[in-house]
Amino acid sequence: MTMRWLSWMPLLLCSCAAKGTYHIAQAQAAVELARADEAEEFAVYAWTMAESYLIKAREEYAYADYEAAERYAAEAERWANKARDAVRESNDPLQRATEDVPELRDMPEGSLR
């Protein structure tokens, strides 16, 4: 019985690796779309989170922790989408630059100029 289980082990590992690769590729695509929308400049916080989670997903994948890689890739994709949404929602460059700094966002109009 043990030998039969061991014969399935490579197949299980390959399917986990393929699943992890798929999620990392999806996250990478989302990060690239955010980059194209200039989130790197206008949604700095969300962009940084997306990029950091993607790096961590790749690191966990390299250590063969495919479950963790999948979780981090999902977070990277979520943050990349948040960054794209933040850029799209705002036409005001000052508002985009201060999206995650409530102290600046709540200041009276004209006090930053």
PDB file of N, CA and C in Angstrom:
ATOM      1  N   MET A   1       0.821  -1.188   0.000  1.00  0.00           N
ATOM      2  CA  MET A   1       0.000   0.000   0.000  1.00  0.00           C
ATOM      3  C   MET A   1       0.869   1.258   0.000  1.00  0.00           C
ATOM      4  N   THR A   2       1.937   1.282   0.775  1.00  0.00           N
ATOM      5  CA  THR A   2       2.812   2.439   0.848  1.00  0.00           C
ATOM      6  C   THR A   2       3.456   2.711  -0.504  1.00  0.00           C
ATOM      7  N   MET A   3       3.859   1.671  -1.191  1.00  0.00           N
ATOM      8  CA  MET A   3       4.495   1.846  -2.492  1.00  0.00           C
ATOM      9  C   MET A   3       3.512   2.443  -3.504  1.00  0.00           C
ATOM     10  N   ARG A   4       2.262   2.035  -3.420  1.00  0.00           N
ATOM     11  CA  ARG A   4       1.263   2.562  -4.341  1.00  0.00           C
ATOM     12  C   ARG A   4       1.089   4.071  -4.104  1.00  0.00           C
ATOM     13  N   TRP A   5       1.043   4.488  -2.854  1.00  0.00           N
ATOM     14  CA  TRP A   5       0.905   5.897  -2.520  1.00  0.00           C
ATOM     15  C   TRP A   5       2.108   6.688  -3.006  1.00  0.00           C
ATOM     16  N   LEU A   6       3.306   6.129  -2.825  1.00  0.00           N
ATOM     17  CA  LEU A   6       4.522   6.816  -3.254  1.00  0.00           C
ATOM     18  C   LEU A   6       4.579   6.985  -4.771  1.00  0.00           C
ATOM     19  N   SER A   7       3.971   6.079  -5.493  1.00  0.00           N
ATOM     20  CA  SER A   7       3.992   6.206  -6.947  1.00  0.00           C
ATOM     21  C   SER A   7       3.143   7.389  -7.422  1.00  0.00           C
ATOM     22  N   TRP A   8       2.179   7.818  -6.644  1.00  0.00           N
ATOM     23  CA  TRP A   8       1.347   8.967  -6.990  1.00  0.00           C
ATOM     24  C   TRP A   8       1.970  10.299  -6.588  1.00  0.00           C
ATOM     25  N   MET A   9       2.970  10.245  -5.724  1.00  0.00           N
ATOM     26  CA  MET A   9       3.561  11.469  -5.184  1.00  0.00           C
ATOM     27  C   MET A   9       4.105  12.412  -6.268  1.00  0.00           C
ATOM     28  N   PRO A  10       4.872  11.960  -7.248  1.00  0.00           N
ATOM     29  CA  PRO A  10       5.357  12.892  -8.288  1.00  0.00           C
ATOM     30  C   PRO A  10       4.223  13.571  -9.052  1.00  0.00           C
ATOM     31  N   LEU A  11       3.155  12.836  -9.304  1.00  0.00           N
ATOM     32  CA  LEU A  11       2.018  13.409 -10.021  1.00  0.00           C
ATOM     33  C   LEU A  11       1.358  14.500  -9.183  1.00  0.00           C
ATOM     34  N   LEU A  12       1.212  14.266  -7.904  1.00  0.00           N
ATOM     35  CA  LEU A  12       0.621  15.268  -7.020  1.00  0.00           C
ATOM     36  C   LEU A  12       1.486  16.516  -6.949  1.00  0.00           C
ATOM     37  N   LEU A  13       2.786  16.335  -6.844  1.00  0.00           N
ATOM     38  CA  LEU A  13       3.689  17.476  -6.779  1.00  0.00           C
ATOM     39  C   LEU A  13       3.671  18.273  -8.071  1.00  0.00           C
ATOM     40  N   CYS A  14       3.604  17.583  -9.187  1.00  0.00           N
ATOM     41  CA  CYS A  14       3.562  18.284 -10.476  1.00  0.00           C
ATOM     42  C   CYS A  14       2.285  19.099 -10.621  1.00  0.00           C
ATOM     43  N   SER A  15       1.168  18.548 -10.172  1.00  0.00           N
ATOM     44  CA  SER A  15      -0.087  19.293 -10.299  1.00  0.00           C
ATOM     45  C   SER A  15      -0.070  20.520  -9.402  1.00  0.00           C
ATOM     46  N   CYS A  16       0.527  20.416  -8.219  1.00  0.00           N
ATOM     47  CA  CYS A  16       0.632  21.581  -7.336  1.00  0.00           C
ATOM     48  C   CYS A  16       1.547  22.637  -7.950  1.00  0.00           C
ATOM     49  N   ALA A  17       2.632  22.192  -8.534  1.00  0.00           N
ATOM     50  CA  ALA A  17       3.575  23.130  -9.160  1.00  0.00           C
ATOM     51  C   ALA A  17       2.914  23.841 -10.332  1.00  0.00           C
ATOM     52  N   ALA A  18       2.167  23.105 -11.130  1.00  0.00           N
ATOM     53  CA  ALA A  18       1.492  23.712 -12.279  1.00  0.00           C
ATOM     54  C   ALA A  18       0.458  24.727 -11.822  1.00  0.00           C
ATOM     55  N   LYS A  19      -0.261  24.407 -10.765  1.00  0.00           N
ATOM     56  CA  LYS A  19      -1.263  25.315 -10.229  1.00  0.00           C
ATOM     57  C   LYS A  19      -0.597  26.597  -9.718  1.00  0.00           C
ATOM     58  N   GLY A  20       0.530  26.442  -9.024  1.00  0.00           N
ATOM     59  CA  GLY A  20       1.273  27.602  -8.528  1.00  0.00           C
ATOM     60  C   GLY A  20       1.783  28.467  -9.665  1.00  0.00           C
ATOM     61  N   THR A  21       2.267  27.832 -10.713  1.00  0.00           N
ATOM     62  CA  THR A  21       2.763  28.569 -11.885  1.00  0.00           C
ATOM     63  C   THR A  21       1.643  29.372 -12.526  1.00  0.00           C
ATOM     64  N   TYR A  22       0.477  28.784 -12.616  1.00  0.00           N
ATOM     65  CA  TYR A  22      -0.679  29.460 -13.202  1.00  0.00           C
ATOM     66  C   TYR A  22      -1.027  30.726 -12.412  1.00  0.00           C
ATOM     67  N   HIS A  23      -1.076  30.609 -11.090  1.00  0.00           N
ATOM     68  CA  HIS A  23      -1.445  31.751 -10.257  1.00  0.00           C
ATOM     69  C   HIS A  23      -0.380  32.851 -10.305  1.00  0.00           C
ATOM     70  N   ILE A  24       0.870  32.460 -10.350  1.00  0.00           N
ATOM     71  CA  ILE A  24       1.935  33.455 -10.450  1.00  0.00           C
ATOM     72  C   ILE A  24       1.864  34.170 -11.801  1.00  0.00           C
ATOM     73  N   ALA A  25       1.561  33.441 -12.852  1.00  0.00           N
ATOM     74  CA  ALA A  25       1.428  34.055 -14.177  1.00  0.00           C
ATOM     75  C   ALA A  25       0.256  35.035 -14.212  1.00  0.00           C
ATOM     76  N   GLN A  26      -0.840  34.686 -13.557  1.00  0.00           N
ATOM     77  CA  GLN A  26      -1.987  35.597 -13.484  1.00  0.00           C
ATOM     78  C   GLN A  26      -1.618  36.865 -12.721  1.00  0.00           C
ATOM     79  N   ALA A  27      -0.926  36.702 -11.613  1.00  0.00           N
ATOM     80  CA  ALA A  27      -0.510  37.856 -10.815  1.00  0.00           C
ATOM     81  C   ALA A  27       0.453  38.728 -11.609  1.00  0.00           C
ATOM     82  N   GLN A  28       1.378  38.103 -12.320  1.00  0.00           N
ATOM     83  CA  GLN A  28       2.326  38.852 -13.142  1.00  0.00           C
ATOM     84  C   GLN A  28       1.597  39.673 -14.201  1.00  0.00           C
ATOM     85  N   ALA A  29       0.595  39.082 -14.815  1.00  0.00           N
ATOM     86  CA  ALA A  29      -0.184  39.797 -15.830  1.00  0.00           C
ATOM     87  C   ALA A  29      -0.909  40.993 -15.214  1.00  0.00           C
ATOM     88  N   ALA A  30      -1.472  40.817 -14.029  1.00  0.00           N
ATOM     89  CA  ALA A  30      -2.170  41.908 -13.354  1.00  0.00           C
ATOM     90  C   ALA A  30      -1.203  43.031 -12.995  1.00  0.00           C
ATOM     91  N   VAL A  31      -0.011  42.682 -12.544  1.00  0.00           N
ATOM     92  CA  VAL A  31       0.999  43.683 -12.203  1.00  0.00           C
ATOM     93  C   VAL A  31       1.439  44.437 -13.459  1.00  0.00           C
ATOM     94  N   GLU A  32       1.587  43.731 -14.557  1.00  0.00           N
ATOM     95  CA  GLU A  32       1.968  44.388 -15.818  1.00  0.00           C
ATOM     96  C   GLU A  32       0.876  45.347 -16.302  1.00  0.00           C
ATOM     97  N   LEU A  33      -0.380  44.959 -16.139  1.00  0.00           N
ATOM     98  CA  LEU A  33      -1.472  45.852 -16.509  1.00  0.00           C
ATOM     99  C   LEU A  33      -1.476  47.103 -15.628  1.00  0.00           C
ATOM    100  N   ALA A  34      -1.197  46.914 -14.339  1.00  0.00           N
ATOM    101  CA  ALA A  34      -1.117  48.063 -13.424  1.00  0.00           C
ATOM    102  C   ALA A  34       0.039  48.978 -13.821  1.00  0.00           C
ATOM    103  N   ARG A  35       1.142  48.378 -14.223  1.00  0.00           N
ATOM    104  CA  ARG A  35       2.283  49.176 -14.683  1.00  0.00           C
ATOM    105  C   ARG A  35       1.892  49.989 -15.925  1.00  0.00           C
ATOM    106  N   ALA A  36       1.171  49.371 -16.833  1.00  0.00           N
ATOM    107  CA  ALA A  36       0.733  50.066 -18.048  1.00  0.00           C
ATOM    108  C   ALA A  36      -0.208  51.223 -17.725  1.00  0.00           C
ATOM    109  N   ASP A  37      -0.964  51.106 -16.639  1.00  0.00           N
ATOM    110  CA  ASP A  37      -1.867  52.180 -16.204  1.00  0.00           C
ATOM    111  C   ASP A  37      -1.155  53.230 -15.359  1.00  0.00           C
ATOM    112  N   GLU A  38       0.159  53.112 -15.246  1.00  0.00           N
ATOM    113  CA  GLU A  38       0.993  54.030 -14.478  1.00  0.00           C
ATOM    114  C   GLU A  38       0.706  53.992 -12.975  1.00  0.00           C
ATOM    115  N   ALA A  39       0.316  52.831 -12.484  1.00  0.00           N
ATOM    116  CA  ALA A  39       0.060  52.683 -11.048  1.00  0.00           C
ATOM    117  C   ALA A  39       1.338  52.863 -10.241  1.00  0.00           C
ATOM    118  N   GLU A  40       2.447  52.564 -10.847  1.00  0.00           N
ATOM    119  CA  GLU A  40       3.739  52.720 -10.181  1.00  0.00           C
ATOM    120  C   GLU A  40       3.959  54.166  -9.743  1.00  0.00           C
ATOM    121  N   GLU A  41       3.384  55.083 -10.495  1.00  0.00           N
ATOM    122  CA  GLU A  41       3.537  56.508 -10.199  1.00  0.00           C
ATOM    123  C   GLU A  41       2.351  57.084  -9.436  1.00  0.00           C
ATOM    124  N   PHE A  42       1.127  56.628  -9.761  1.00  0.00           N
ATOM    125  CA  PHE A  42      -0.065  57.262  -9.218  1.00  0.00           C
ATOM    126  C   PHE A  42      -0.786  56.469  -8.136  1.00  0.00           C
ATOM    127  N   ALA A  43      -0.425  55.229  -7.912  1.00  0.00           N
ATOM    128  CA  ALA A  43      -1.027  54.415  -6.847  1.00  0.00           C
ATOM    129  C   ALA A  43       0.112  53.678  -6.148  1.00  0.00           C
ATOM    130  N   VAL A  44       0.985  54.453  -5.559  1.00  0.00           N
ATOM    131  CA  VAL A  44       2.256  53.944  -5.062  1.00  0.00           C
ATOM    132  C   VAL A  44       2.082  52.828  -4.026  1.00  0.00           C
ATOM    133  N   TYR A  45       1.213  53.035  -3.064  1.00  0.00           N
ATOM    134  CA  TYR A  45       1.065  52.049  -1.990  1.00  0.00           C
ATOM    135  C   TYR A  45       0.562  50.709  -2.541  1.00  0.00           C
ATOM    136  N   ALA A  46      -0.537  50.749  -3.288  1.00  0.00           N
ATOM    137  CA  ALA A  46      -1.103  49.511  -3.832  1.00  0.00           C
ATOM    138  C   ALA A  46      -0.126  48.846  -4.798  1.00  0.00           C
ATOM    139  N   TRP A  47       0.569  49.650  -5.586  1.00  0.00           N
ATOM    140  CA  TRP A  47       1.562  49.123  -6.514  1.00  0.00           C
ATOM    141  C   TRP A  47       2.682  48.392  -5.767  1.00  0.00           C
ATOM    142  N   THR A  48       3.183  49.022  -4.716  1.00  0.00           N
ATOM    143  CA  THR A  48       4.264  48.429  -3.931  1.00  0.00           C
ATOM    144  C   THR A  48       3.820  47.119  -3.292  1.00  0.00           C
ATOM    145  N   MET A  49       2.603  47.098  -2.784  1.00  0.00           N
ATOM    146  CA  MET A  49       2.078  45.865  -2.186  1.00  0.00           C
ATOM    147  C   MET A  49       1.979  44.758  -3.242  1.00  0.00           C
ATOM    148  N   ALA A  50       1.472  45.093  -4.420  1.00  0.00           N
ATOM    149  CA  ALA A  50       1.340  44.096  -5.488  1.00  0.00           C
ATOM    150  C   ALA A  50       2.697  43.527  -5.870  1.00  0.00           C
ATOM    151  N   GLU A  51       3.652  44.399  -6.060  1.00  0.00           N
ATOM    152  CA  GLU A  51       4.982  43.956  -6.459  1.00  0.00           C
ATOM    153  C   GLU A  51       5.645  43.113  -5.359  1.00  0.00           C
ATOM    154  N   SER A  52       5.470  43.517  -4.109  1.00  0.00           N
ATOM    155  CA  SER A  52       6.068  42.786  -2.985  1.00  0.00           C
ATOM    156  C   SER A  52       5.457  41.395  -2.847  1.00  0.00           C
ATOM    157  N   TYR A  53       4.136  41.303  -2.978  1.00  0.00           N
ATOM    158  CA  TYR A  53       3.490  39.985  -2.897  1.00  0.00           C
ATOM    159  C   TYR A  53       3.914  39.089  -4.057  1.00  0.00           C
ATOM    160  N   LEU A  54       4.106  39.653  -5.223  1.00  0.00           N
ATOM    161  CA  LEU A  54       4.549  38.861  -6.370  1.00  0.00           C
ATOM    162  C   LEU A  54       5.955  38.317  -6.141  1.00  0.00           C
ATOM    163  N   ILE A  55       6.826  39.140  -5.607  1.00  0.00           N
ATOM    164  CA  ILE A  55       8.186  38.688  -5.289  1.00  0.00           C
ATOM    165  C   ILE A  55       8.135  37.552  -4.270  1.00  0.00           C
ATOM    166  N   LYS A  56       7.301  37.711  -3.252  1.00  0.00           N
ATOM    167  CA  LYS A  56       7.181  36.680  -2.215  1.00  0.00           C
ATOM    168  C   LYS A  56       6.586  35.393  -2.789  1.00  0.00           C
ATOM    169  N   ALA A  57       5.642  35.520  -3.702  1.00  0.00           N
ATOM    170  CA  ALA A  57       5.053  34.328  -4.337  1.00  0.00           C
ATOM    171  C   ALA A  57       6.117  33.547  -5.104  1.00  0.00           C
ATOM    172  N   ARG A  58       6.946  34.270  -5.828  1.00  0.00           N
ATOM    173  CA  ARG A  58       8.023  33.598  -6.575  1.00  0.00           C
ATOM    174  C   ARG A  58       9.019  32.934  -5.625  1.00  0.00           C
ATOM    175  N   GLU A  59       9.311  33.597  -4.519  1.00  0.00           N
ATOM    176  CA  GLU A  59      10.235  33.036  -3.538  1.00  0.00           C
ATOM    177  C   GLU A  59       9.682  31.737  -2.945  1.00  0.00           C
ATOM    178  N   GLU A  60       8.419  31.747  -2.561  1.00  0.00           N
ATOM    179  CA  GLU A  60       7.804  30.539  -1.987  1.00  0.00           C
ATOM    180  C   GLU A  60       7.723  29.426  -3.031  1.00  0.00           C
ATOM    181  N   TYR A  61       7.468  29.794  -4.271  1.00  0.00           N
ATOM    182  CA  TYR A  61       7.441  28.796  -5.342  1.00  0.00           C
ATOM    183  C   TYR A  61       8.820  28.151  -5.499  1.00  0.00           C
ATOM    184  N   ALA A  62       9.856  28.970  -5.389  1.00  0.00           N
ATOM    185  CA  ALA A  62      11.226  28.449  -5.511  1.00  0.00           C
ATOM    186  C   ALA A  62      11.553  27.473  -4.381  1.00  0.00           C
ATOM    187  N   TYR A  63      10.935  27.680  -3.222  1.00  0.00           N
ATOM    188  CA  TYR A  63      11.128  26.760  -2.097  1.00  0.00           C
ATOM    189  C   TYR A  63      10.156  25.589  -2.137  1.00  0.00           C
ATOM    190  N   ALA A  64       9.393  25.482  -3.210  1.00  0.00           N
ATOM    191  CA  ALA A  64       8.424  24.403  -3.424  1.00  0.00           C
ATOM    192  C   ALA A  64       7.274  24.442  -2.426  1.00  0.00           C
ATOM    193  N   ASP A  65       6.985  25.615  -1.891  1.00  0.00           N
ATOM    194  CA  ASP A  65       5.817  25.793  -1.038  1.00  0.00           C
ATOM    195  C   ASP A  65       4.716  26.374  -1.922  1.00  0.00           C
ATOM    196  N   TYR A  66       4.095  25.484  -2.687  1.00  0.00           N
ATOM    197  CA  TYR A  66       3.166  25.910  -3.720  1.00  0.00           C
ATOM    198  C   TYR A  66       1.890  26.514  -3.155  1.00  0.00           C
ATOM    199  N   GLU A  67       1.455  26.044  -2.013  1.00  0.00           N
ATOM    200  CA  GLU A  67       0.254  26.598  -1.388  1.00  0.00           C
ATOM    201  C   GLU A  67       0.486  28.056  -0.981  1.00  0.00           C
ATOM    202  N   ALA A  68       1.610  28.325  -0.355  1.00  0.00           N
ATOM    203  CA  ALA A  68       1.943  29.695   0.024  1.00  0.00           C
ATOM    204  C   ALA A  68       2.138  30.563  -1.221  1.00  0.00           C
ATOM    205  N   ALA A  69       2.776  30.020  -2.228  1.00  0.00           N
ATOM    206  CA  ALA A  69       2.981  30.766  -3.476  1.00  0.00           C
ATOM    207  C   ALA A  69       1.642  31.166  -4.081  1.00  0.00           C
ATOM    208  N   GLU A  70       0.696  30.263  -4.042  1.00  0.00           N
ATOM    209  CA  GLU A  70      -0.637  30.556  -4.582  1.00  0.00           C
ATOM    210  C   GLU A  70      -1.322  31.668  -3.781  1.00  0.00           C
ATOM    211  N   ARG A  71      -1.210  31.618  -2.463  1.00  0.00           N
ATOM    212  CA  ARG A  71      -1.814  32.666  -1.618  1.00  0.00           C
ATOM    213  C   ARG A  71      -1.186  34.030  -1.899  1.00  0.00           C
ATOM    214  N   TYR A  72       0.147  34.076  -1.952  1.00  0.00           N
ATOM    215  CA  TYR A  72       0.836  35.344  -2.207  1.00  0.00           C
ATOM    216  C   TYR A  72       0.535  35.865  -3.611  1.00  0.00           C
ATOM    217  N   ALA A  73       0.428  34.974  -4.570  1.00  0.00           N
ATOM    218  CA  ALA A  73       0.100  35.394  -5.935  1.00  0.00           C
ATOM    219  C   ALA A  73      -1.303  35.989  -5.985  1.00  0.00           C
ATOM    220  N   ALA A  74      -2.228  35.395  -5.255  1.00  0.00           N
ATOM    221  CA  ALA A  74      -3.591  35.930  -5.210  1.00  0.00           C
ATOM    222  C   ALA A  74      -3.600  37.327  -4.590  1.00  0.00           C
ATOM    223  N   GLU A  75      -2.813  37.526  -3.549  1.00  0.00           N
ATOM    224  CA  GLU A  75      -2.712  38.848  -2.927  1.00  0.00           C
ATOM    225  C   GLU A  75      -2.072  39.853  -3.893  1.00  0.00           C
ATOM    226  N   ALA A  76      -1.064  39.422  -4.616  1.00  0.00           N
ATOM    227  CA  ALA A  76      -0.423  40.304  -5.597  1.00  0.00           C
ATOM    228  C   ALA A  76      -1.428  40.741  -6.653  1.00  0.00           C
ATOM    229  N   GLU A  77      -2.222  39.815  -7.120  1.00  0.00           N
ATOM    230  CA  GLU A  77      -3.225  40.135  -8.129  1.00  0.00           C
ATOM    231  C   GLU A  77      -4.280  41.085  -7.560  1.00  0.00           C
ATOM    232  N   ARG A  78      -4.697  40.848  -6.316  1.00  0.00           N
ATOM    233  CA  ARG A  78      -5.695  41.705  -5.673  1.00  0.00           C
ATOM    234  C   ARG A  78      -5.176  43.138  -5.541  1.00  0.00           C
ATOM    235  N   TRP A  79      -3.920  43.290  -5.085  1.00  0.00           N
ATOM    236  CA  TRP A  79      -3.350  44.622  -4.924  1.00  0.00           C
ATOM    237  C   TRP A  79      -3.106  45.300  -6.269  1.00  0.00           C
ATOM    238  N   ALA A  80      -2.728  44.536  -7.276  1.00  0.00           N
ATOM    239  CA  ALA A  80      -2.540  45.123  -8.615  1.00  0.00           C
ATOM    240  C   ALA A  80      -3.866  45.654  -9.147  1.00  0.00           C
ATOM    241  N   ASN A  81      -4.933  44.912  -8.914  1.00  0.00           N
ATOM    242  CA  ASN A  81      -6.254  45.369  -9.345  1.00  0.00           C
ATOM    243  C   ASN A  81      -6.690  46.611  -8.569  1.00  0.00           C
ATOM    244  N   LYS A  82      -6.364  46.648  -7.266  1.00  0.00           N
ATOM    245  CA  LYS A  82      -6.673  47.843  -6.470  1.00  0.00           C
ATOM    246  C   LYS A  82      -5.905  49.053  -7.012  1.00  0.00           C
ATOM    247  N   ALA A  83      -4.667  48.843  -7.393  1.00  0.00           N
ATOM    248  CA  ALA A  83      -3.862  49.937  -7.933  1.00  0.00           C
ATOM    249  C   ALA A  83      -4.465  50.441  -9.236  1.00  0.00           C
ATOM    250  N   ARG A  84      -4.868  49.539 -10.106  1.00  0.00           N
ATOM    251  CA  ARG A  84      -5.487  49.943 -11.373  1.00  0.00           C
ATOM    252  C   ARG A  84      -6.787  50.691 -11.130  1.00  0.00           C
ATOM    253  N   ASP A  85      -7.578  50.216 -10.182  1.00  0.00           N
ATOM    254  CA  ASP A  85      -8.839  50.890  -9.861  1.00  0.00           C
ATOM    255  C   ASP A  85      -8.584  52.295  -9.329  1.00  0.00           C
ATOM    256  N   ALA A  86      -7.587  52.426  -8.473  1.00  0.00           N
ATOM    257  CA  ALA A  86      -7.270  53.735  -7.898  1.00  0.00           C
ATOM    258  C   ALA A  86      -6.851  54.726  -8.982  1.00  0.00           C
ATOM    259  N   VAL A  87      -6.087  54.258  -9.937  1.00  0.00           N
ATOM    260  CA  VAL A  87      -5.650  55.140 -11.026  1.00  0.00           C
ATOM    261  C   VAL A  87      -6.839  55.530 -11.893  1.00  0.00           C
ATOM    262  N   ARG A  88      -7.690  54.578 -12.188  1.00  0.00           N
ATOM    263  CA  ARG A  88      -8.838  54.850 -13.059  1.00  0.00           C
ATOM    264  C   ARG A  88      -9.887  55.749 -12.413  1.00  0.00           C
ATOM    265  N   GLU A  89     -10.073  55.607 -11.101  1.00  0.00           N
ATOM    266  CA  GLU A  89     -11.121  56.359 -10.408  1.00  0.00           C
ATOM    267  C   GLU A  89     -10.824  57.844 -10.314  1.00  0.00           C
ATOM    268  N   SER A  90      -9.574  58.170 -10.346  1.00  0.00           N
ATOM    269  CA  SER A  90      -9.213  59.558 -10.112  1.00  0.00           C
ATOM    270  C   SER A  90      -8.604  60.188 -11.354  1.00  0.00           C
ATOM    271  N   ASN A  91      -9.057  61.368 -11.671  1.00  0.00           N
ATOM    272  CA  ASN A  91      -8.454  62.135 -12.763  1.00  0.00           C
ATOM    273  C   ASN A  91      -7.528  63.208 -12.217  1.00  0.00           C
ATOM    274  N   ASP A  92      -7.586  63.453 -10.915  1.00  0.00           N
ATOM    275  CA  ASP A  92      -6.781  64.481 -10.279  1.00  0.00           C
ATOM    276  C   ASP A  92      -5.435  63.898  -9.861  1.00  0.00           C
ATOM    277  N   PRO A  93      -4.316  64.343 -10.449  1.00  0.00           N
ATOM    278  CA  PRO A  93      -3.006  63.790 -10.113  1.00  0.00           C
ATOM    279  C   PRO A  93      -2.667  63.908  -8.627  1.00  0.00           C
ATOM    280  N   LEU A  94      -3.064  65.008  -7.979  1.00  0.00           N
ATOM    281  CA  LEU A  94      -2.784  65.179  -6.559  1.00  0.00           C
ATOM    282  C   LEU A  94      -3.538  64.139  -5.746  1.00  0.00           C
ATOM    283  N   GLN A  95      -4.786  63.877  -6.101  1.00  0.00           N
ATOM    284  CA  GLN A  95      -5.569  62.869  -5.386  1.00  0.00           C
ATOM    285  C   GLN A  95      -4.979  61.489  -5.599  1.00  0.00           C
ATOM    286  N   ARG A  96      -4.541  61.183  -6.819  1.00  0.00           N
ATOM    287  CA  ARG A  96      -3.938  59.878  -7.083  1.00  0.00           C
ATOM    288  C   ARG A  96      -2.654  59.699  -6.293  1.00  0.00           C
ATOM    289  N   ALA A  97      -1.865  60.744  -6.189  1.00  0.00           N
ATOM    290  CA  ALA A  97      -0.590  60.651  -5.487  1.00  0.00           C
ATOM    291  C   ALA A  97      -0.780  60.469  -3.986  1.00  0.00           C
ATOM    292  N   THR A  98      -1.915  60.925  -3.453  1.00  0.00           N
ATOM    293  CA  THR A  98      -2.138  60.857  -2.007  1.00  0.00           C
ATOM    294  C   THR A  98      -3.240  59.873  -1.643  1.00  0.00           C
ATOM    295  N   GLU A  99      -3.531  58.911  -2.511  1.00  0.00           N
ATOM    296  CA  GLU A  99      -4.648  57.998  -2.303  1.00  0.00           C
ATOM    297  C   GLU A  99      -4.614  57.266  -0.962  1.00  0.00           C
ATOM    298  N   ASP A 100      -3.453  56.923  -0.481  1.00  0.00           N
ATOM    299  CA  ASP A 100      -3.363  56.145   0.749  1.00  0.00           C
ATOM    300  C   ASP A 100      -2.782  56.945   1.910  1.00  0.00           C
ATOM    301  N   VAL A 101      -2.823  58.251   1.806  1.00  0.00           N
ATOM    302  CA  VAL A 101      -2.345  59.106   2.887  1.00  0.00           C
ATOM    303  C   VAL A 101      -3.530  59.966   3.335  1.00  0.00           C
ATOM    304  N   PRO A 102      -4.361  59.441   4.243  1.00  0.00           N
ATOM    305  CA  PRO A 102      -5.586  60.149   4.625  1.00  0.00           C
ATOM    306  C   PRO A 102      -5.322  61.549   5.177  1.00  0.00           C
ATOM    307  N   GLU A 103      -4.183  61.757   5.829  1.00  0.00           N
ATOM    308  CA  GLU A 103      -3.879  63.069   6.387  1.00  0.00           C
ATOM    309  C   GLU A 103      -3.816  64.119   5.283  1.00  0.00           C
ATOM    310  N   LEU A 104      -3.276  63.750   4.136  1.00  0.00           N
ATOM    311  CA  LEU A 104      -3.187  64.678   3.015  1.00  0.00           C
ATOM    312  C   LEU A 104      -4.528  64.804   2.292  1.00  0.00           C
ATOM    313  N   ARG A 105      -5.241  63.716   2.197  1.00  0.00           N
ATOM    314  CA  ARG A 105      -6.504  63.707   1.482  1.00  0.00           C
ATOM    315  C   ARG A 105      -7.552  64.571   2.190  1.00  0.00           C
ATOM    316  N   ASP A 106      -7.496  64.640   3.531  1.00  0.00           N
ATOM    317  CA  ASP A 106      -8.497  65.355   4.301  1.00  0.00           C
ATOM    318  C   ASP A 106      -8.166  66.837   4.503  1.00  0.00           C
ATOM    319  N   MET A 107      -7.051  67.281   3.963  1.00  0.00           N
ATOM    320  CA  MET A 107      -6.660  68.688   4.119  1.00  0.00           C
ATOM    321  C   MET A 107      -7.567  69.570   3.272  1.00  0.00           C
ATOM    322  N   PRO A 108      -7.778  70.806   3.713  1.00  0.00           N
ATOM    323  CA  PRO A 108      -8.630  71.732   2.930  1.00  0.00           C
ATOM    324  C   PRO A 108      -8.038  71.972   1.544  1.00  0.00           C
ATOM    325  N   GLU A 109      -8.915  72.180   0.589  1.00  0.00           N
ATOM    326  CA  GLU A 109      -8.518  72.454  -0.796  1.00  0.00           C
ATOM    327  C   GLU A 109      -7.586  73.661  -0.851  1.00  0.00           C
ATOM    328  N   GLY A 110      -6.531  73.563  -1.589  1.00  0.00           N
ATOM    329  CA  GLY A 110      -5.602  74.666  -1.770  1.00  0.00           C
ATOM    330  C   GLY A 110      -4.496  74.755  -0.734  1.00  0.00           C
ATOM    331  N   SER A 111      -4.557  73.987   0.343  1.00  0.00           N
ATOM    332  CA  SER A 111      -3.515  74.093   1.377  1.00  0.00           C
ATOM    333  C   SER A 111      -2.219  73.403   0.973  1.00  0.00           C
ATOM    334  N   LEU A 112      -2.254  72.537  -0.040  1.00  0.00           N
ATOM    335  CA  LEU A 112      -1.048  71.854  -0.504  1.00  0.00           C
ATOM    336  C   LEU A 112      -0.382  72.611  -1.639  1.00  0.00           C
ATOM    337  N   ARG A 113      -0.968  73.615  -2.144  1.00  0.00           N
ATOM    338  CA  ARG A 113      -0.427  74.322  -3.303  1.00  0.00           C
ATOM    339  C   ARG A 113       0.501  75.417  -2.902  1.00  0.00           C
TER     340      ARG A 113
END
